[in-house]
Amino acid sequence: MPWNISVKAFGSLKPGSTAEVTAFVTYPCPTPFNSSLYPAKDAVAVIALPDGMSLDSSGSRKTLGDMKAGSTARATWKVKIDEPVSGKTIMVQAQGKVSGQVPEAHWIGMSVSYPAYSYTDAIGGNGSVEL
């Protein structure tokens, strides 16, 4: 299930001003799953700005840390408005890594058997706001 990412812009969006962009990143945990299972490690959010905007001294990548299923993290950027941005879109992508193990599986009544293995998968999502 992809993450839910809500992106909001606060402040003046006129040329010469500075605004704040915040992404609220939610790692959903549908029932009946246990929220303590499958934490996402090393979660990050990355902003992509349209032409006419630039970052105000911070990088485009924000560390969210480890996220449990069902939790929400926030990332905030200060941006400079260099030219008119009405109708343009700011994008934010967030992701983390989920790891686990799958036990050996024997199919009853069949000669099929699958070995145990470990895995690491990327999980995340995208969000945007139109200005």
C-alpha atoms as a PDB file:
ATOM      1  CA  MET A   1       0.000   0.000   0.000  1.00  0.00           C
ATOM      2  CA  PRO A   2       1.552   3.343  -1.006  1.00  0.00           C
ATOM      3  CA  TRP A   3       2.194   6.088   1.501  1.00  0.00           C
ATOM      4  CA  ASN A   4      -0.135   9.096   1.664  1.00  0.00           C
ATOM      5  CA  ILE A   5       1.682  12.391   1.145  1.00  0.00           C
ATOM      6  CA  SER A   6      -0.116  15.681   1.648  1.00  0.00           C
ATOM      7  CA  VAL A   7       1.834  18.751   0.469  1.00  0.00           C
ATOM      8  CA  LYS A   8       0.936  22.273   1.595  1.00  0.00           C
ATOM      9  CA  ALA A   9       2.451  25.685   0.788  1.00  0.00           C
ATOM     10  CA  PHE A  10       2.291  28.472   3.387  1.00  0.00           C
ATOM     11  CA  GLY A  11       3.067  32.167   2.982  1.00  0.00           C
ATOM     12  CA  SER A  12       3.223  34.540   0.059  1.00  0.00           C
ATOM     13  CA  LEU A  13       3.791  33.045  -3.380  1.00  0.00           C
ATOM     14  CA  LYS A  14       4.664  36.372  -5.008  1.00  0.00           C
ATOM     15  CA  PRO A  15       8.066  36.924  -6.678  1.00  0.00           C
ATOM     16  CA  GLY A  16      10.671  38.116  -4.179  1.00  0.00           C
ATOM     17  CA  SER A  17       9.024  36.396  -1.213  1.00  0.00           C
ATOM     18  CA  THR A  18       9.861  33.302   0.814  1.00  0.00           C
ATOM     19  CA  ALA A  19       7.323  30.561   1.527  1.00  0.00           C
ATOM     20  CA  GLU A  20       7.286  27.319   3.467  1.00  0.00           C
ATOM     21  CA  VAL A  21       6.388  23.945   1.949  1.00  0.00           C
ATOM     22  CA  THR A  22       5.444  21.120   4.297  1.00  0.00           C
ATOM     23  CA  ALA A  23       4.853  17.469   3.422  1.00  0.00           C
ATOM     24  CA  PHE A  24       2.888  15.264   5.818  1.00  0.00           C
ATOM     25  CA  VAL A  25       3.981  11.683   5.112  1.00  0.00           C
ATOM     26  CA  THR A  26       1.691   8.920   6.411  1.00  0.00           C
ATOM     27  CA  TYR A  27       2.649   5.247   6.337  1.00  0.00           C
ATOM     28  CA  PRO A  28      -0.806   3.593   6.412  1.00  0.00           C
ATOM     29  CA  CYS A  29      -1.498   0.475   8.467  1.00  0.00           C
ATOM     30  CA  PRO A  30      -4.717  -1.180   7.323  1.00  0.00           C
ATOM     31  CA  THR A  31      -6.524  -3.539   9.671  1.00  0.00           C
ATOM     32  CA  PRO A  32      -5.895  -6.291  10.665  1.00  0.00           C
ATOM     33  CA  PHE A  33      -2.139  -5.629  10.460  1.00  0.00           C
ATOM     34  CA  ASN A  34      -0.117  -4.883  13.588  1.00  0.00           C
ATOM     35  CA  SER A  35       1.519  -1.427  13.437  1.00  0.00           C
ATOM     36  CA  SER A  36       4.672  -2.741  15.139  1.00  0.00           C
ATOM     37  CA  LEU A  37       5.381  -5.015  12.172  1.00  0.00           C
ATOM     38  CA  TYR A  38       7.307  -3.839   9.113  1.00  0.00           C
ATOM     39  CA  PRO A  39       8.761  -0.522  10.271  1.00  0.00           C
ATOM     40  CA  ALA A  40      10.258   1.527   7.446  1.00  0.00           C
ATOM     41  CA  LYS A  41      13.937   2.291   8.057  1.00  0.00           C
ATOM     42  CA  ASP A  42      15.864   5.313   6.801  1.00  0.00           C
ATOM     43  CA  ALA A  43      12.778   7.134   5.494  1.00  0.00           C
ATOM     44  CA  VAL A  44      13.415  10.314   3.493  1.00  0.00           C
ATOM     45  CA  ALA A  45      11.378  12.942   1.647  1.00  0.00           C
ATOM     46  CA  VAL A  46      12.641  14.745  -1.465  1.00  0.00           C
ATOM     47  CA  ILE A  47      11.101  17.896  -2.906  1.00  0.00           C
ATOM     48  CA  ALA A  48      11.042  18.844  -6.598  1.00  0.00           C
ATOM     49  CA  LEU A  49      10.330  22.503  -7.288  1.00  0.00           C
ATOM     50  CA  PRO A  50       9.006  23.988 -10.532  1.00  0.00           C
ATOM     51  CA  ASP A  51      10.834  26.658 -12.503  1.00  0.00           C
ATOM     52  CA  GLY A  52      10.520  29.989 -10.716  1.00  0.00           C
ATOM     53  CA  MET A  53      11.193  28.563  -7.236  1.00  0.00           C
ATOM     54  CA  SER A  54      14.418  27.656  -5.441  1.00  0.00           C
ATOM     55  CA  LEU A  55      15.386  26.220  -2.074  1.00  0.00           C
ATOM     56  CA  ASP A  56      16.382  28.764   0.546  1.00  0.00           C
ATOM     57  CA  SER A  57      19.561  27.178   2.055  1.00  0.00           C
ATOM     58  CA  SER A  58      18.433  23.656   2.886  1.00  0.00           C
ATOM     59  CA  GLY A  59      18.809  20.659   0.643  1.00  0.00           C
ATOM     60  CA  SER A  60      15.998  19.016  -1.264  1.00  0.00           C
ATOM     61  CA  ARG A  61      16.279  15.822   0.841  1.00  0.00           C
ATOM     62  CA  LYS A  62      14.906  15.629   4.407  1.00  0.00           C
ATOM     63  CA  THR A  63      15.487  12.703   6.759  1.00  0.00           C
ATOM     64  CA  LEU A  64      12.324  11.299   8.341  1.00  0.00           C
ATOM     65  CA  GLY A  65      14.084   8.540  10.293  1.00  0.00           C
ATOM     66  CA  ASP A  66      12.425   5.212  11.019  1.00  0.00           C
ATOM     67  CA  MET A  67       8.623   5.124  10.631  1.00  0.00           C
ATOM     68  CA  LYS A  68       6.187   2.636  12.125  1.00  0.00           C
ATOM     69  CA  ALA A  69       3.151   1.635  10.124  1.00  0.00           C
ATOM     70  CA  GLY A  70       0.307   3.985  11.030  1.00  0.00           C
ATOM     71  CA  SER A  71       2.612   6.925  11.812  1.00  0.00           C
ATOM     72  CA  THR A  72       2.961  10.341  10.167  1.00  0.00           C
ATOM     73  CA  ALA A  73       6.179  12.330   9.736  1.00  0.00           C
ATOM     74  CA  ARG A  74       6.614  15.920   8.609  1.00  0.00           C
ATOM     75  CA  ALA A  75       9.229  17.505   6.350  1.00  0.00           C
ATOM     76  CA  THR A  76       9.478  21.267   5.822  1.00  0.00           C
ATOM     77  CA  TRP A  77      11.427  23.342   3.297  1.00  0.00           C
ATOM     78  CA  LYS A  78      11.864  27.114   2.941  1.00  0.00           C
ATOM     79  CA  VAL A  79      11.594  28.186  -0.689  1.00  0.00           C
ATOM     80  CA  LYS A  80      12.252  31.427  -2.539  1.00  0.00           C
ATOM     81  CA  ILE A  81       9.788  32.622  -5.128  1.00  0.00           C
ATOM     82  CA  ASP A  82      11.854  33.957  -8.023  1.00  0.00           C
ATOM     83  CA  GLU A  83       9.113  34.477 -10.621  1.00  0.00           C
ATOM     84  CA  PRO A  84       5.312  33.941 -10.907  1.00  0.00           C
ATOM     85  CA  VAL A  85       4.404  30.357  -9.964  1.00  0.00           C
ATOM     86  CA  SER A  86       0.614  30.329 -10.284  1.00  0.00           C
ATOM     87  CA  GLY A  87      -0.577  27.042 -11.838  1.00  0.00           C
ATOM     88  CA  LYS A  88       2.766  25.291 -11.244  1.00  0.00           C
ATOM     89  CA  THR A  89       3.183  22.130  -9.146  1.00  0.00           C
ATOM     90  CA  ILE A  90       5.485  21.197  -6.263  1.00  0.00           C
ATOM     91  CA  MET A  91       6.166  17.454  -5.960  1.00  0.00           C
ATOM     92  CA  VAL A  92       7.369  15.483  -2.920  1.00  0.00           C
ATOM     93  CA  GLN A  93       8.464  11.849  -3.010  1.00  0.00           C
ATOM     94  CA  ALA A  94       9.012   9.882   0.209  1.00  0.00           C
ATOM     95  CA  GLN A  95      10.319   6.383   0.781  1.00  0.00           C
ATOM     96  CA  GLY A  96      11.818   4.007   3.300  1.00  0.00           C
ATOM     97  CA  LYS A  97      13.074   0.417   3.432  1.00  0.00           C
ATOM     98  CA  VAL A  98      11.079  -2.520   4.806  1.00  0.00           C
ATOM     99  CA  SER A  99      12.883  -5.762   5.678  1.00  0.00           C
ATOM    100  CA  GLY A 100      11.702  -9.158   6.797  1.00  0.00           C
ATOM    101  CA  GLN A 101      12.062 -12.906   6.520  1.00  0.00           C
ATOM    102  CA  VAL A 102       9.885 -15.538   4.894  1.00  0.00           C
ATOM    103  CA  PRO A 103      10.063 -19.033   6.434  1.00  0.00           C
ATOM    104  CA  GLU A 104      10.616 -22.209   4.450  1.00  0.00           C
ATOM    105  CA  ALA A 105       7.342 -23.436   2.920  1.00  0.00           C
ATOM    106  CA  HIS A 106       6.387 -27.049   2.247  1.00  0.00           C
ATOM    107  CA  TRP A 107       3.213 -27.659   0.285  1.00  0.00           C
ATOM    108  CA  ILE A 108       1.307 -30.519   1.919  1.00  0.00           C
ATOM    109  CA  GLY A 109       0.676 -33.394  -0.453  1.00  0.00           C
ATOM    110  CA  MET A 110       3.037 -32.011  -3.079  1.00  0.00           C
ATOM    111  CA  SER A 111       6.721 -32.335  -3.699  1.00  0.00           C
ATOM    112  CA  VAL A 112       7.083 -28.538  -3.879  1.00  0.00           C
ATOM    113  CA  SER A 113       9.176 -26.725  -1.274  1.00  0.00           C
ATOM    114  CA  TYR A 114      10.364 -23.123  -1.145  1.00  0.00           C
ATOM    115  CA  PRO A 115      13.462 -22.165   0.856  1.00  0.00           C
ATOM    116  CA  ALA A 116      13.420 -19.458   3.527  1.00  0.00           C
ATOM    117  CA  TYR A 117      14.715 -16.054   2.503  1.00  0.00           C
ATOM    118  CA  SER A 118      15.217 -12.489   3.711  1.00  0.00           C
ATOM    119  CA  TYR A 119      14.217  -9.394   1.786  1.00  0.00           C
ATOM    120  CA  THR A 120      14.463  -5.598   1.746  1.00  0.00           C
ATOM    121  CA  ASP A 121      11.945  -3.598  -0.277  1.00  0.00           C
ATOM    122  CA  ALA A 122      11.447   0.099  -0.929  1.00  0.00           C
ATOM    123  CA  ILE A 123       8.080   1.506   0.139  1.00  0.00           C
ATOM    124  CA  GLY A 124       6.786   5.042  -0.286  1.00  0.00           C
ATOM    125  CA  GLY A 125       4.688   7.370  -2.381  1.00  0.00           C
ATOM    126  CA  ASN A 126       4.322  10.750  -4.058  1.00  0.00           C
ATOM    127  CA  GLY A 127       2.351  13.872  -3.312  1.00  0.00           C
ATOM    128  CA  SER A 128       1.944  17.301  -4.884  1.00  0.00           C
ATOM    129  CA  VAL A 129       0.328  20.684  -4.543  1.00  0.00           C
ATOM    130  CA  GLU A 130      -0.692  22.976  -7.378  1.00  0.00           C
ATOM    131  CA  LEU A 131       0.044  26.620  -6.696  1.00  0.00           C
END
